[in-house]
Structure formats: C-alpha cells, structure tokens
C-alpha atoms as a PDB file:
ATOM      1  CA  MET A   1      18.799  -3.037 -16.757  1.00  0.00           C
ATOM      2  CA  PRO A   2      15.738  -3.354 -14.488  1.00  0.00           C
ATOM      3  CA  PHE A   3      12.444  -4.155 -16.209  1.00  0.00           C
ATOM      4  CA  VAL A   4      10.912  -0.966 -14.747  1.00  0.00           C
ATOM      5  CA  GLU A   5      13.281   1.930 -14.165  1.00  0.00           C
ATOM      6  CA  ILE A   6      12.066   5.362 -13.088  1.00  0.00           C
ATOM      7  CA  SER A   7      14.867   7.866 -12.642  1.00  0.00           C
ATOM      8  CA  ALA A   8      14.799  11.303 -10.966  1.00  0.00           C
ATOM      9  CA  LEU A   9      11.128  11.831 -11.808  1.00  0.00           C
ATOM     10  CA  GLY A  10       9.780  15.247 -10.854  1.00  0.00           C
ATOM     11  CA  LYS A  11       6.419  16.914 -11.359  1.00  0.00           C
ATOM     12  CA  SER A  12       5.055  20.215  -9.998  1.00  0.00           C
ATOM     13  CA  TYR A  13       1.321  20.767  -9.520  1.00  0.00           C
ATOM     14  CA  PRO A  14      -0.731  23.938  -8.940  1.00  0.00           C
ATOM     15  CA  GLY A  15      -0.908  24.805  -5.269  1.00  0.00           C
ATOM     16  CA  GLY A  16       2.713  24.026  -4.506  1.00  0.00           C
ATOM     17  CA  PHE A  17       2.691  20.208  -4.294  1.00  0.00           C
ATOM     18  CA  SER A  18       5.370  18.351  -6.262  1.00  0.00           C
ATOM     19  CA  LEU A  19       6.865  14.919  -6.800  1.00  0.00           C
ATOM     20  CA  ARG A  20      10.613  15.124  -6.225  1.00  0.00           C
ATOM     21  CA  ASP A  21      13.444  12.915  -7.480  1.00  0.00           C
ATOM     22  CA  ILE A  22      11.493   9.644  -7.593  1.00  0.00           C
ATOM     23  CA  ASP A  23      13.681   6.598  -8.287  1.00  0.00           C
ATOM     24  CA  ILE A  24      12.225   3.101  -8.765  1.00  0.00           C
ATOM     25  CA  ALA A  25      13.838  -0.088 -10.075  1.00  0.00           C
ATOM     26  CA  LEU A  26      11.847  -3.313 -10.474  1.00  0.00           C
ATOM     27  CA  GLU A  27      12.626  -6.662 -12.027  1.00  0.00           C
ATOM     28  CA  ARG A  28      10.048  -8.438 -14.164  1.00  0.00           C
ATOM     29  CA  GLY A  29       7.429 -10.147 -12.000  1.00  0.00           C
ATOM     30  CA  GLN A  30       8.124  -8.087  -8.874  1.00  0.00           C
ATOM     31  CA  ILE A  31       5.407  -6.329  -6.877  1.00  0.00           C
ATOM     32  CA  LEU A  32       6.168  -2.912  -5.413  1.00  0.00           C
ATOM     33  CA  THR A  33       3.858  -1.442  -2.796  1.00  0.00           C
ATOM     34  CA  LEU A  34       3.772   2.301  -2.200  1.00  0.00           C
ATOM     35  CA  MET A  35       2.440   3.346   1.193  1.00  0.00           C
ATOM     36  CA  GLY A  36       1.880   6.693   2.824  1.00  0.00           C
ATOM     37  CA  PRO A  37      -0.805   9.021   4.179  1.00  0.00           C
ATOM     38  CA  SER A  38      -3.447  10.657   2.004  1.00  0.00           C
ATOM     39  CA  GLY A  39      -2.030  13.500  -0.068  1.00  0.00           C
ATOM     40  CA  SER A  40       1.523  12.170  -0.070  1.00  0.00           C
ATOM     41  CA  GLY A  41       1.688  11.782  -3.857  1.00  0.00           C
ATOM     42  CA  LYS A  42       1.032   8.077  -4.407  1.00  0.00           C
ATOM     43  CA  THR A  43      -1.777   8.542  -6.938  1.00  0.00           C
ATOM     44  CA  SER A  44       0.086  11.405  -8.644  1.00  0.00           C
ATOM     45  CA  LEU A  45       3.044   9.099  -9.173  1.00  0.00           C
ATOM     46  CA  LEU A  46       0.836   6.451 -10.785  1.00  0.00           C
ATOM     47  CA  ARG A  47      -0.688   9.106 -13.063  1.00  0.00           C
ATOM     48  CA  ASN A  48       2.791  10.015 -14.290  1.00  0.00           C
ATOM     49  CA  ILE A  49       3.714   6.385 -14.898  1.00  0.00           C
ATOM     50  CA  CYS A  50       0.587   5.569 -16.891  1.00  0.00           C
ATOM     51  CA  GLY A  51       0.648   8.825 -18.873  1.00  0.00           C
ATOM     52  CA  LEU A  52      -2.311  10.738 -17.456  1.00  0.00           C
ATOM     53  CA  ASP A  53       0.220  13.320 -16.240  1.00  0.00           C
ATOM     54  CA  THR A  54       3.539  14.205 -17.866  1.00  0.00           C
ATOM     55  CA  PRO A  55       6.606  14.612 -15.634  1.00  0.00           C
ATOM     56  CA  ASP A  56       8.611  17.837 -15.726  1.00  0.00           C
ATOM     57  CA  SER A  57      11.870  15.937 -15.343  1.00  0.00           C
ATOM     58  CA  GLY A  58      13.283  12.430 -15.192  1.00  0.00           C
ATOM     59  CA  SER A  59      12.498   9.316 -17.209  1.00  0.00           C
ATOM     60  CA  ILE A  60      10.189   6.276 -17.191  1.00  0.00           C
ATOM     61  CA  MET A  61      11.533   3.093 -18.779  1.00  0.00           C
ATOM     62  CA  VAL A  62       9.435  -0.097 -18.991  1.00  0.00           C
ATOM     63  CA  GLY A  63      10.780  -3.208 -20.709  1.00  0.00           C
ATOM     64  CA  GLY A  64      13.535  -1.186 -22.363  1.00  0.00           C
ATOM     65  CA  THR A  65      11.093   1.354 -23.855  1.00  0.00           C
ATOM     66  CA  ASP A  66      11.229   5.014 -22.922  1.00  0.00           C
ATOM     67  CA  MET A  67       7.630   5.886 -22.014  1.00  0.00           C
ATOM     68  CA  THR A  68       8.262   9.278 -20.451  1.00  0.00           C
ATOM     69  CA  HIS A  69       6.414  11.238 -23.120  1.00  0.00           C
ATOM     70  CA  LEU A  70       4.351   8.568 -24.850  1.00  0.00           C
ATOM     71  CA  PRO A  71       0.565   9.100 -24.852  1.00  0.00           C
ATOM     72  CA  VAL A  72      -1.531   6.815 -22.660  1.00  0.00           C
ATOM     73  CA  ARG A  73      -2.805   4.698 -25.564  1.00  0.00           C
ATOM     74  CA  ARG A  74       0.741   3.770 -26.644  1.00  0.00           C
ATOM     75  CA  ARG A  75       1.992   2.697 -23.221  1.00  0.00           C
ATOM     76  CA  ASN A  76      -0.269  -0.341 -22.731  1.00  0.00           C
ATOM     77  CA  ILE A  77       0.147   0.026 -18.970  1.00  0.00           C
ATOM     78  CA  GLY A  78      -2.753  -1.448 -17.016  1.00  0.00           C
ATOM     79  CA  MET A  79      -4.414   0.735 -14.388  1.00  0.00           C
ATOM     80  CA  ILE A  80      -7.012  -0.133 -11.762  1.00  0.00           C
ATOM     81  CA  PHE A  81      -8.502   2.921 -10.088  1.00  0.00           C
ATOM     82  CA  GLN A  82     -10.038   3.101  -6.650  1.00  0.00           C
ATOM     83  CA  ASP A  83     -13.576   3.115  -8.086  1.00  0.00           C
ATOM     84  CA  LEU A  84     -12.727   0.270 -10.556  1.00  0.00           C
ATOM     85  CA  ALA A  85     -14.538   2.126 -13.416  1.00  0.00           C
ATOM     86  CA  LEU A  86     -16.239  -0.952 -14.855  1.00  0.00           C
ATOM     87  CA  PHE A  87     -18.669  -0.215 -17.681  1.00  0.00           C
ATOM     88  CA  PRO A  88     -22.131  -0.692 -16.113  1.00  0.00           C
ATOM     89  CA  HIS A  89     -23.886  -1.244 -19.460  1.00  0.00           C
ATOM     90  CA  MET A  90     -21.538  -4.080 -20.455  1.00  0.00           C
ATOM     91  CA  THR A  91     -21.500  -7.675 -19.269  1.00  0.00           C
ATOM     92  CA  VAL A  92     -18.510  -9.023 -17.375  1.00  0.00           C
ATOM     93  CA  TYR A  93     -17.363 -10.691 -20.588  1.00  0.00           C
ATOM     94  CA  ASP A  94     -17.535  -7.450 -22.575  1.00  0.00           C
ATOM     95  CA  ASN A  95     -15.766  -5.510 -19.823  1.00  0.00           C
ATOM     96  CA  ILE A  96     -12.852  -7.955 -19.858  1.00  0.00           C
ATOM     97  CA  ALA A  97     -12.750  -8.108 -23.669  1.00  0.00           C
ATOM     98  CA  TYR A  98     -12.895  -4.326 -24.082  1.00  0.00           C
ATOM     99  CA  GLY A  99      -9.135  -3.746 -24.279  1.00  0.00           C
ATOM    100  CA  LEU A 100      -8.616  -6.711 -26.592  1.00  0.00           C
ATOM    101  CA  ARG A 101     -11.251  -5.412 -28.998  1.00  0.00           C
ATOM    102  CA  SER A 102      -9.686  -1.956 -28.925  1.00  0.00           C
ATOM    103  CA  MET A 103      -6.441  -3.619 -30.029  1.00  0.00           C
ATOM    104  CA  ARG A 104      -8.370  -5.425 -32.811  1.00  0.00           C
ATOM    105  CA  VAL A 105      -7.514  -8.865 -31.431  1.00  0.00           C
ATOM    106  CA  PRO A 106      -9.486 -11.518 -33.378  1.00  0.00           C
ATOM    107  CA  GLU A 107     -12.692 -12.448 -31.528  1.00  0.00           C
ATOM    108  CA  ARG A 108     -11.778 -16.116 -31.191  1.00  0.00           C
ATOM    109  CA  GLU A 109      -8.423 -15.243 -29.614  1.00  0.00           C
ATOM    110  CA  ALA A 110     -10.102 -12.662 -27.371  1.00  0.00           C
ATOM    111  CA  ARG A 111     -12.698 -15.213 -26.255  1.00  0.00           C
ATOM    112  CA  GLU A 112      -9.991 -17.689 -25.254  1.00  0.00           C
ATOM    113  CA  ARG A 113      -8.079 -14.999 -23.382  1.00  0.00           C
ATOM    114  CA  VAL A 114     -11.181 -13.878 -21.485  1.00  0.00           C
ATOM    115  CA  ARG A 115     -12.084 -17.431 -20.520  1.00  0.00           C
ATOM    116  CA  ASP A 116      -8.534 -18.300 -19.409  1.00  0.00           C
ATOM    117  CA  LEU A 117      -8.283 -15.204 -17.180  1.00  0.00           C
ATOM    118  CA  SER A 118     -11.795 -15.702 -15.821  1.00  0.00           C
ATOM    119  CA  GLU A 119     -11.037 -19.279 -14.898  1.00  0.00           C
ATOM    120  CA  MET A 120      -7.810 -18.301 -13.088  1.00  0.00           C
ATOM    121  CA  LEU A 121      -9.635 -15.581 -11.156  1.00  0.00           C
ATOM    122  CA  GLY A 122     -12.694 -17.705 -10.344  1.00  0.00           C
ATOM    123  CA  ILE A 123     -15.226 -15.591 -12.258  1.00  0.00           C
ATOM    124  CA  LEU A 124     -15.942 -17.900 -15.206  1.00  0.00           C
ATOM    125  CA  ASP A 125     -19.597 -18.311 -14.197  1.00  0.00           C
ATOM    126  CA  LEU A 126     -20.124 -14.520 -14.107  1.00  0.00           C
ATOM    127  CA  LEU A 127     -19.363 -13.670 -17.733  1.00  0.00           C
ATOM    128  CA  ASN A 128     -22.989 -13.030 -18.716  1.00  0.00           C
ATOM    129  CA  ARG A 129     -23.806 -10.856 -15.703  1.00  0.00           C
ATOM    130  CA  TYR A 130     -23.600  -7.082 -15.369  1.00  0.00           C
ATOM    131  CA  PRO A 131     -21.372  -5.354 -12.760  1.00  0.00           C
ATOM    132  CA  SER A 132     -24.420  -4.302 -10.722  1.00  0.00           C
ATOM    133  CA  ARG A 133     -25.361  -7.972 -10.317  1.00  0.00           C
ATOM    134  CA  ILE A 134     -22.122  -9.206  -8.785  1.00  0.00           C
ATOM    135  CA  SER A 135     -20.446  -8.645  -5.402  1.00  0.00           C
ATOM    136  CA  GLY A 136     -17.700  -6.165  -4.579  1.00  0.00           C
ATOM    137  CA  GLY A 137     -15.048  -8.868  -4.470  1.00  0.00           C
ATOM    138  CA  GLN A 138     -16.198 -10.225  -7.819  1.00  0.00           C
ATOM    139  CA  ARG A 139     -16.082  -6.739  -9.361  1.00  0.00           C
ATOM    140  CA  GLN A 140     -12.541  -6.442  -8.063  1.00  0.00           C
ATOM    141  CA  ARG A 141     -11.504  -9.608  -9.886  1.00  0.00           C
ATOM    142  CA  VAL A 142     -13.280  -8.459 -13.059  1.00  0.00           C
ATOM    143  CA  ALA A 143     -11.289  -5.211 -12.925  1.00  0.00           C
ATOM    144  CA  VAL A 144      -8.053  -7.182 -12.641  1.00  0.00           C
ATOM    145  CA  ALA A 145      -9.014  -9.422 -15.563  1.00  0.00           C
ATOM    146  CA  ARG A 146      -9.934  -6.433 -17.736  1.00  0.00           C
ATOM    147  CA  SER A 147      -6.639  -4.684 -16.950  1.00  0.00           C
ATOM    148  CA  VAL A 148      -4.392  -7.659 -17.663  1.00  0.00           C
ATOM    149  CA  ALA A 149      -6.270  -9.024 -20.702  1.00  0.00           C
ATOM    150  CA  PRO A 150      -4.191  -6.891 -23.145  1.00  0.00           C
ATOM    151  CA  SER A 151      -0.998  -8.335 -21.538  1.00  0.00           C
ATOM    152  CA  PRO A 152       0.382  -5.042 -20.178  1.00  0.00           C
ATOM    153  CA  PRO A 153       4.056  -4.983 -19.203  1.00  0.00           C
ATOM    154  CA  LEU A 154       3.086  -3.253 -15.952  1.00  0.00           C
ATOM    155  CA  LEU A 155      -0.092  -3.083 -13.855  1.00  0.00           C
ATOM    156  CA  LEU A 156      -0.776  -0.124 -11.555  1.00  0.00           C
ATOM    157  CA  LEU A 157      -3.331  -0.434  -8.751  1.00  0.00           C
ATOM    158  CA  ASP A 158      -4.521   2.622  -6.833  1.00  0.00           C
ATOM    159  CA  GLU A 159      -5.962   1.538  -3.455  1.00  0.00           C
ATOM    160  CA  PRO A 160      -8.122  -1.094  -5.175  1.00  0.00           C
ATOM    161  CA  MET A 161      -9.437  -2.659  -1.945  1.00  0.00           C
ATOM    162  CA  SER A 162     -10.647   0.494  -0.214  1.00  0.00           C
ATOM    163  CA  SER A 163     -14.360  -0.217  -0.750  1.00  0.00           C
ATOM    164  CA  LEU A 164     -14.261  -3.803   0.579  1.00  0.00           C
ATOM    165  CA  ASP A 165     -14.885  -4.944   4.142  1.00  0.00           C
ATOM    166  CA  SER A 166     -11.886  -6.276   6.053  1.00  0.00           C
ATOM    167  CA  GLN A 167     -12.479 -10.020   5.601  1.00  0.00           C
ATOM    168  CA  LEU A 168     -13.267  -9.739   1.895  1.00  0.00           C
ATOM    169  CA  ARG A 169     -10.301  -7.425   1.479  1.00  0.00           C
ATOM    170  CA  GLU A 170      -7.940 -10.062   2.876  1.00  0.00           C
ATOM    171  CA  ASN A 171      -9.388 -12.777   0.629  1.00  0.00           C
ATOM    172  CA  VAL A 172      -9.264 -10.708  -2.553  1.00  0.00           C
ATOM    173  CA  ARG A 173      -5.746  -9.394  -2.022  1.00  0.00           C
ATOM    174  CA  SER A 174      -4.559 -12.970  -1.486  1.00  0.00           C
ATOM    175  CA  GLU A 175      -6.189 -14.033  -4.746  1.00  0.00           C
ATOM    176  CA  ILE A 176      -4.724 -11.098  -6.676  1.00  0.00           C
ATOM    177  CA  LYS A 177      -1.211 -11.732  -5.368  1.00  0.00           C
ATOM    178  CA  SER A 178      -1.470 -15.436  -6.195  1.00  0.00           C
ATOM    179  CA  PHE A 179      -2.724 -14.609  -9.683  1.00  0.00           C
ATOM    180  CA  ALA A 180       0.039 -12.039 -10.280  1.00  0.00           C
ATOM    181  CA  LYS A 181       2.759 -14.484  -9.257  1.00  0.00           C
ATOM    182  CA  LYS A 182       1.226 -17.242 -11.376  1.00  0.00           C
ATOM    183  CA  ILE A 183       1.437 -15.195 -14.588  1.00  0.00           C
ATOM    184  CA  GLY A 184       4.615 -13.247 -13.705  1.00  0.00           C
ATOM    185  CA  LEU A 185       2.891  -9.861 -13.607  1.00  0.00           C
ATOM    186  CA  THR A 186       4.900  -6.766 -12.643  1.00  0.00           C
ATOM    187  CA  MET A 187       2.820  -4.503 -10.395  1.00  0.00           C
ATOM    188  CA  ILE A 188       2.968  -1.230  -8.490  1.00  0.00           C
ATOM    189  CA  TYR A 189       0.345  -1.332  -5.753  1.00  0.00           C
ATOM    190  CA  VAL A 190      -0.687   1.805  -3.845  1.00  0.00           C
ATOM    191  CA  THR A 191      -2.288   1.613  -0.404  1.00  0.00           C
ATOM    192  CA  HIS A 192      -2.440   3.579   2.844  1.00  0.00           C
ATOM    193  CA  ASP A 193      -2.915   0.298   4.759  1.00  0.00           C
ATOM    194  CA  ARG A 194       0.513  -0.801   5.941  1.00  0.00           C
ATOM    195  CA  ARG A 195      -0.552  -4.391   6.634  1.00  0.00           C
ATOM    196  CA  GLU A 196      -1.888  -4.729   3.111  1.00  0.00           C
ATOM    197  CA  GLY A 197       1.255  -3.117   1.721  1.00  0.00           C
ATOM    198  CA  PHE A 198       3.552  -5.461   3.610  1.00  0.00           C
ATOM    199  CA  TYR A 199       1.580  -8.521   2.514  1.00  0.00           C
ATOM    200  CA  MET A 200       1.463  -7.620  -1.173  1.00  0.00           C
ATOM    201  CA  GLY A 201       4.967  -6.330  -1.825  1.00  0.00           C
ATOM    202  CA  ASP A 202       8.285  -7.884  -2.730  1.00  0.00           C
ATOM    203  CA  LYS A 203       9.574  -4.338  -2.279  1.00  0.00           C
ATOM    204  CA  ALA A 204       7.973  -1.439  -0.451  1.00  0.00           C
ATOM    205  CA  GLY A 205       8.451   2.290  -0.219  1.00  0.00           C
ATOM    206  CA  LEU A 206       6.958   5.036   1.941  1.00  0.00           C
ATOM    207  CA  MET A 207       5.849   8.362   0.456  1.00  0.00           C
ATOM    208  CA  PHE A 208       5.581  11.657   2.316  1.00  0.00           C
ATOM    209  CA  ASN A 209       5.026  15.075   0.736  1.00  0.00           C
ATOM    210  CA  GLY A 210       6.011  13.922  -2.754  1.00  0.00           C
ATOM    211  CA  VAL A 211       9.203  12.141  -1.705  1.00  0.00           C
ATOM    212  CA  LEU A 212       9.664   8.362  -1.940  1.00  0.00           C
ATOM    213  CA  SER A 213      11.952   6.671   0.566  1.00  0.00           C
ATOM    214  CA  THR A 214      14.522   4.067  -0.434  1.00  0.00           C
ATOM    215  CA  LEU A 215      12.848   0.873  -1.632  1.00  0.00           C
ATOM    216  CA  ARG A 216      13.471  -2.029   0.707  1.00  0.00           C
ATOM    217  CA  SER A 217      11.890  -5.327   1.634  1.00  0.00           C
ATOM    218  CA  PRO A 218       8.733  -4.997   3.766  1.00  0.00           C
ATOM    219  CA  GLU A 219      10.588  -6.692   6.623  1.00  0.00           C
ATOM    220  CA  ASP A 220      13.422  -4.149   6.515  1.00  0.00           C
ATOM    221  CA  ILE A 221      11.099  -1.159   6.311  1.00  0.00           C
ATOM    222  CA  PHE A 222       9.073  -2.339   9.295  1.00  0.00           C
ATOM    223  CA  SER A 223      11.953  -3.441  11.526  1.00  0.00           C
ATOM    224  CA  ALA A 224      14.118  -0.346  10.981  1.00  0.00           C
ATOM    225  CA  PRO A 225      12.170   2.865  10.199  1.00  0.00           C
ATOM    226  CA  GLU A 226      14.443   5.569   8.821  1.00  0.00           C
ATOM    227  CA  ASP A 227      12.942   8.645  10.473  1.00  0.00           C
ATOM    228  CA  GLU A 228      10.116   9.851  12.689  1.00  0.00           C
ATOM    229  CA  LYS A 229       7.470  10.238  10.006  1.00  0.00           C
ATOM    230  CA  SER A 230       8.143   6.680   8.798  1.00  0.00           C
ATOM    231  CA  ALA A 231       8.057   5.314  12.339  1.00  0.00           C
ATOM    232  CA  ARG A 232       4.751   7.004  13.127  1.00  0.00           C
ATOM    233  CA  PHE A 233       3.140   5.803   9.908  1.00  0.00           C
ATOM    234  CA  LEU A 234       4.251   2.244  10.713  1.00  0.00           C
ATOM    235  CA  GLY A 235       2.587   2.418  14.132  1.00  0.00           C
ATOM    236  CA  TYR A 236       5.637   3.044  16.307  1.00  0.00           C
ATOM    237  CA  ASN A 237       5.722   5.250  19.377  1.00  0.00           C
ATOM    238  CA  VAL A 238       8.266   8.073  19.097  1.00  0.00           C
ATOM    239  CA  MET A 239      10.002   9.518  22.147  1.00  0.00           C
ATOM    240  CA  GLU A 240      12.955  11.693  23.054  1.00  0.00           C
ATOM    241  CA  ASP A 241      15.234  10.977  26.000  1.00  0.00           C
ATOM    242  CA  GLY A 242      18.437  12.835  26.798  1.00  0.00           C
ATOM    243  CA  GLY A 243      18.613  14.308  23.320  1.00  0.00           C
ATOM    244  CA  GLU A 244      18.167  10.906  21.669  1.00  0.00           C
ATOM    245  CA  ARG A 245      15.144  10.304  19.476  1.00  0.00           C
ATOM    246  CA  PHE A 246      13.975   6.718  19.326  1.00  0.00           C
ATOM    247  CA  ALA A 247      10.967   4.653  18.299  1.00  0.00           C
ATOM    248  CA  PHE A 248       9.517   1.511  19.805  1.00  0.00           C
ATOM    249  CA  TYR A 249       6.666  -0.687  18.686  1.00  0.00           C
ATOM    250  CA  PRO A 250       3.664  -0.931  21.068  1.00  0.00           C
ATOM    251  CA  THR A 251       4.403  -4.605  21.796  1.00  0.00           C
ATOM    252  CA  ASP A 252       8.082  -4.019  22.642  1.00  0.00           C
ATOM    253  CA  PHE A 253       7.688  -3.291  26.359  1.00  0.00           C
ATOM    254  CA  GLU A 254       7.200  -5.007  29.694  1.00  0.00           C
ATOM    255  CA  PHE A 255       5.746  -3.742  32.944  1.00  0.00           C
ATOM    256  CA  SER A 256       8.669  -3.129  35.272  1.00  0.00           C
ATOM    257  CA  ASP A 257       9.850  -0.894  38.123  1.00  0.00           C
ATOM    258  CA  ALA A 258      13.490  -1.731  37.459  1.00  0.00           C
ATOM    259  CA  GLU A 259      15.712   1.106  36.286  1.00  0.00           C
ATOM    260  CA  PRO A 260      15.650   2.490  33.717  1.00  0.00           C
ATOM    261  CA  HIS A 261      11.885   2.621  33.357  1.00  0.00           C
ATOM    262  CA  LEU A 262       9.185   5.009  32.206  1.00  0.00           C
ATOM    263  CA  GLU A 263       6.006   5.998  33.980  1.00  0.00           C
ATOM    264  CA  GLY A 264       2.656   7.191  32.706  1.00  0.00           C
ATOM    265  CA  THR A 265      -1.099   7.192  33.274  1.00  0.00           C
ATOM    266  CA  VAL A 266      -3.564   5.031  31.342  1.00  0.00           C
ATOM    267  CA  MET A 267      -5.993   7.418  29.673  1.00  0.00           C
ATOM    268  CA  SER A 268      -8.052   4.727  27.933  1.00  0.00           C
ATOM    269  CA  SER A 269      -7.875   1.049  27.062  1.00  0.00           C
ATOM    270  CA  GLY A 270      -9.933  -1.402  25.058  1.00  0.00           C
ATOM    271  CA  PHE A 271     -10.123  -4.971  23.810  1.00  0.00           C
ATOM    272  CA  GLU A 272      -9.625  -5.475  20.050  1.00  0.00           C
ATOM    273  CA  GLY A 273      -9.682  -9.270  19.836  1.00  0.00           C
ATOM    274  CA  ASP A 274      -6.009 -10.114  19.414  1.00  0.00           C
ATOM    275  CA  ILE A 275      -4.760  -7.238  21.588  1.00  0.00           C
ATOM    276  CA  TYR A 276      -5.665  -4.899  24.418  1.00  0.00           C
ATOM    277  CA  ARG A 277      -4.735  -1.372  23.351  1.00  0.00           C
ATOM    278  CA  MET A 278      -3.777   1.158  26.035  1.00  0.00           C
ATOM    279  CA  HIS A 279      -3.248   4.881  25.479  1.00  0.00           C
ATOM    280  CA  VAL A 280      -0.799   6.091  28.108  1.00  0.00           C
ATOM    281  CA  SER A 281      -0.162   9.767  28.903  1.00  0.00           C
ATOM    282  CA  MET A 282       3.479  10.563  29.685  1.00  0.00           C
ATOM    283  CA  PRO A 283       4.775  13.322  32.016  1.00  0.00           C
ATOM    284  CA  ASP A 284       6.008  15.431  29.064  1.00  0.00           C
ATOM    285  CA  GLY A 285       2.454  15.702  27.715  1.00  0.00           C
ATOM    286  CA  ASN A 286       2.897  13.203  24.894  1.00  0.00           C
ATOM    287  CA  SER A 287       1.184   9.824  24.767  1.00  0.00           C
ATOM    288  CA  VAL A 288       2.183   6.331  23.725  1.00  0.00           C
ATOM    289  CA  GLN A 289       0.311   3.168  22.845  1.00  0.00           C
ATOM    290  CA  LEU A 290       1.036  -0.099  24.642  1.00  0.00           C
ATOM    291  CA  TRP A 291      -0.412  -3.394  23.413  1.00  0.00           C
ATOM    292  CA  LEU A 292      -0.928  -6.546  25.421  1.00  0.00           C
ATOM    293  CA  PRO A 293      -1.970  -9.919  23.958  1.00  0.00           C
ATOM    294  CA  GLY A 294      -5.742 -10.388  23.945  1.00  0.00           C
ATOM    295  CA  ASN A 295      -5.528 -13.370  26.316  1.00  0.00           C
ATOM    296  CA  ARG A 296      -4.130 -11.257  29.175  1.00  0.00           C
ATOM    297  CA  ALA A 297      -7.419  -9.786  30.364  1.00  0.00           C
ATOM    298  CA  GLY A 298      -6.522  -9.958  34.032  1.00  0.00           C
ATOM    299  CA  SER A 299      -3.296  -7.977  33.640  1.00  0.00           C
ATOM    300  CA  VAL A 300      -4.614  -4.904  31.799  1.00  0.00           C
ATOM    301  CA  PRO A 301      -4.438  -1.756  33.957  1.00  0.00           C
ATOM    302  CA  GLY A 302      -7.658   0.235  34.030  1.00  0.00           C
ATOM    303  CA  GLN A 303      -8.242   3.858  33.106  1.00  0.00           C
ATOM    304  CA  GLY A 304      -6.455   6.221  35.478  1.00  0.00           C
ATOM    305  CA  SER A 305      -3.905   3.604  36.578  1.00  0.00           C
ATOM    306  CA  ARG A 306      -0.254   4.563  36.923  1.00  0.00           C
ATOM    307  CA  VAL A 307       2.008   2.210  35.000  1.00  0.00           C
ATOM    308  CA  SER A 308       5.765   1.675  35.007  1.00  0.00           C
ATOM    309  CA  PHE A 309       7.301  -0.021  31.974  1.00  0.00           C
ATOM    310  CA  SER A 310      10.625  -0.757  30.306  1.00  0.00           C
ATOM    311  CA  ILE A 311      11.213  -0.758  26.549  1.00  0.00           C
ATOM    312  CA  THR A 312      12.597  -4.078  25.310  1.00  0.00           C
ATOM    313  CA  ARG A 313      13.555  -2.982  21.769  1.00  0.00           C
ATOM    314  CA  LYS A 314      13.978   0.449  20.288  1.00  0.00           C
ATOM    315  CA  GLU A 315      15.269   2.008  17.079  1.00  0.00           C
ATOM    316  CA  ARG A 316      17.192   5.256  16.843  1.00  0.00           C
ATOM    317  CA  ILE A 317      15.591   7.582  14.315  1.00  0.00           C
ATOM    318  CA  SER A 318      16.275  10.966  12.763  1.00  0.00           C
ATOM    319  CA  GLY A 319      14.129  13.872  11.661  1.00  0.00           C
ATOM    320  CA  PHE A 320      11.789  15.413  14.206  1.00  0.00           C
ATOM    321  CA  HIS A 321       8.350  16.299  12.849  1.00  0.00           C
ATOM    322  CA  ASN A 322       5.043  17.403  14.285  1.00  0.00           C
ATOM    323  CA  SER A 323       3.232  14.123  14.904  1.00  0.00           C
ATOM    324  CA  LYS A 324      -0.121  15.697  13.986  1.00  0.00           C
ATOM    325  CA  GLU A 325       1.004  15.728  10.337  1.00  0.00           C
ATOM    326  CA  TYR A 326       1.150  11.965  10.201  1.00  0.00           C
END
C-alpha cells in the first residue's frame, strides 16, 4: 500500500466548481508537485487533504490511517500557506516550538528538536528574533521548521515561494528539497511555476478545472504533454495542420525554406539573457513563440520580418481548447 493514497476524491463548492475523481499514490519520502493555472483546484485539494474541507466522496489514507473525516487537529498533517502565517508576537524559537508545546512535548525534548531543525535549515542564530526582523527567505525556513517540528507524516506546501524574488526563490527551494530528502519527508508541493514544479518533484501532476492528470515523472510530463491545455501550460506552441493537432516547444525549430516549412511575420522580439524570444504571427491568425539562444544576436530577425522555419520535434496532442483559458 502506498504511504499516501487518495482515491476518487470529489468535492463540490458553491458556484459550480468541483474537484473530480482525484487519485494520488505516494511512497514515503516522495515529493509530489501539483501544477496548474490559478483557480484550477490546487489549493482546494490541499484543504481537503489537511482537513480544512471535507470531501463529498472518496478517501484519504496516510500511513495506513483513514483521515477522510478526521478533524484537522487529529491528522497531524503539516501545512505551509502562501502567506506563511508566522506568529508576529512570538520569537522564531517560539514559532517553531508552538506545535510541540500544543502536543505537550516536554520542554527539554522540544528545545532539542527546535535546535536540531534550526541547525539543518541554517537558522540557528535567528531563534531569539521576531519574524519582522528576519528576511523573506529566513521566514520561509522558519515556516518549514515549524511545520515539521511535530514530525507530521505529510507536509503540504501551497505556493510557498510566491513572495520571494527569483534568485532567493531558487536558493530557498533548493534548501527545502535538500532538507526534505535528508529527513525523508513526504511532501505535496503546489505551484503555478512549472520550472519550480519540475525541480521539486519526484512525481508531478497538472490540474485544470478540478481534474488532476495522471501522475508522472517531471521529465515525462514535459516531454510528452497529453493534451492541448497541458501543452500550453508547459510553454508549448499548439498548431493544427491537415486535421492533425500537434505541439512543439519554442526551441524545437530551425530557420529553413526547405519543404515542408511554415511562414510567419515577427510581431515582436526581445532579449531575455539566455534566449531571444520572438512572437511570430501565422497566416491563420494564431501566433507562436520561437526562441533562439542568447548568444545568437546577429541572427535574430527584427520586427516585421518574414520568417520561414521547420519544426524539428513535435508531439501529437488531443483535446482542442480555447487558448485564452490557459
């Protein structure tokens, strides 16, 4: 039996939104990342797992215990919200020790646990400070320490890096993943950032409109999107040719006049450091993105240029959807 097993979970909300037939299986120590656009149901799913919401159908098993209808306080599932929710009137030490004290863990044992976690997360010298006196990255690590101090069987993280700048975000997510693997922590990590999701997860799933796609490795999800909405979320271009729908990544092309080739007009282009991004308008009124390596400055067509290109790798996909939804 998997360590975490969620079967056929369903939940209807006012307004018509619902989670439908959610299935998740995780082994102990695995990290699952859930990705998808805003409003797709990622946070709602976490709320059902931790007990803030109660599913209408299905089951939630963690470590062999049926938690489907247990109250929040009896689940001992760790949860880190987007705003972190640290107690501003408590020191870092007291924030981390809060859950242990609620469980009536002896103070000496709690002190050792707080110090051990703080040392692993590099915040040992911050224990006497208040959250307002430490940086965003440090607050992030305090939130992790507080959530795992009671030794939860499962830790849920709801877009925990959203308030950090890009460089700090990369550093902190690396530290959290390293820490989780070091202590064998099982995690479900929600993000709308596909790069972050791919980096963090042993498994990954995409959510759209309350439905979770089949869980696969990040490499499999990226290299072979299942349908149009998945392809668009992952950054692919989606086109239709002769009744065939296909997707290609913006790097999978070469300029060429050889048949078969496609033609379009560069509407805009710009340098982003590692790439030059071009938005190309196609004759059917749709547009595609083409990316060139950032060191190819001399070969980037300017705005208004006509370009001919061939696709070097493409994936057949199913399910046509209005691209504006994604």
